[in-house]
């Protein structure tokens, strides 16, 4: 009897995409001002209004 050679085909592993894994773990964040930035801007606006009021550049009824 002649021996028959069996061919085994192994699937080739695909090369790893270095962009894929970090892209899967990312989450979309808030686009816009954070609460911290909004508070900071409010403090700056209040301080500037007080400076203008004391200097006489702004009338009392102009304040928000």
Protein backbone atom coordinates (compact mmCIF):
# COMPACT_ATOMS: atom_id res chain seq x y z
CA UNK A 1 0.00 0.00 0.00
CA UNK A 2 1.20 3.41 -0.85
CA UNK A 3 1.13 5.94 1.92
CA UNK A 4 -0.76 9.04 1.10
CA UNK A 5 0.55 12.33 2.46
CA UNK A 6 -2.07 14.46 4.18
CA UNK A 7 -1.75 18.20 3.82
CA UNK A 8 -2.62 20.22 6.89
CA UNK A 9 -3.53 23.85 6.30
CA UNK A 10 -3.11 26.08 9.34
CA UNK A 11 -4.79 29.46 9.36
CA UNK A 12 -2.28 32.27 9.35
CA UNK A 13 -2.59 34.75 12.15
CA UNK A 14 -3.31 38.23 10.95
CA UNK A 15 -0.85 40.93 11.93
CA UNK A 16 -1.93 42.97 14.94
CA UNK A 17 -3.31 46.41 14.17
CA UNK A 18 -1.67 48.80 16.67
CA UNK A 19 -4.52 51.32 16.29
CA UNK A 20 -7.36 48.90 16.97
CA UNK A 21 -6.91 48.14 20.68
CA UNK A 22 -6.54 51.76 21.87
CA UNK A 23 -9.47 52.70 19.67
CA UNK A 24 -11.69 50.11 21.35
CA UNK A 25 -10.87 51.37 24.84
CA UNK A 26 -11.50 55.06 24.11
CA UNK A 27 -14.72 56.69 25.16
CA UNK A 28 -16.13 59.92 23.86
CA UNK A 29 -15.96 62.75 26.37
CA UNK A 30 -17.86 65.93 26.93
CA UNK A 31 -17.23 68.54 24.29
CA UNK A 32 -17.51 71.92 25.87
CA UNK A 33 -16.78 73.62 29.15
CA UNK A 34 -16.35 71.61 32.29
CA UNK A 35 -18.00 72.74 35.50
CA UNK A 36 -14.62 73.84 36.78
CA UNK A 37 -14.09 76.10 33.76
CA UNK A 38 -17.60 77.55 34.10
CA UNK A 39 -17.00 78.37 37.79
CA UNK A 40 -13.66 79.95 36.98
CA UNK A 41 -15.21 82.12 34.28
CA UNK A 42 -18.01 83.18 36.64
CA UNK A 43 -15.45 84.19 39.27
CA UNK A 44 -13.47 86.18 36.71
CA UNK A 45 -16.62 87.90 35.43
CA UNK A 46 -17.71 88.78 38.99
CA UNK A 47 -14.27 90.11 39.86
CA UNK A 48 -14.18 92.23 36.69
CA UNK A 49 -17.68 93.59 37.36
CA UNK A 50 -16.66 94.59 40.88
CA UNK A 51 -13.51 96.30 39.62
CA UNK A 52 -15.54 98.21 37.00
CA UNK A 53 -18.20 99.15 39.58
CA UNK A 54 -15.62 100.47 42.06
CA UNK A 55 -13.82 102.39 39.32
CA UNK A 56 -17.11 103.97 38.26
CA UNK A 57 -17.01 102.50 34.75
CA UNK A 58 -20.27 100.60 35.24
CA UNK A 59 -23.57 101.72 36.71
CA UNK A 60 -25.25 99.46 39.30
CA UNK A 61 -28.22 98.69 37.05
CA UNK A 62 -25.92 97.31 34.31
CA UNK A 63 -24.85 94.33 36.44
CA UNK A 64 -26.43 91.02 35.48
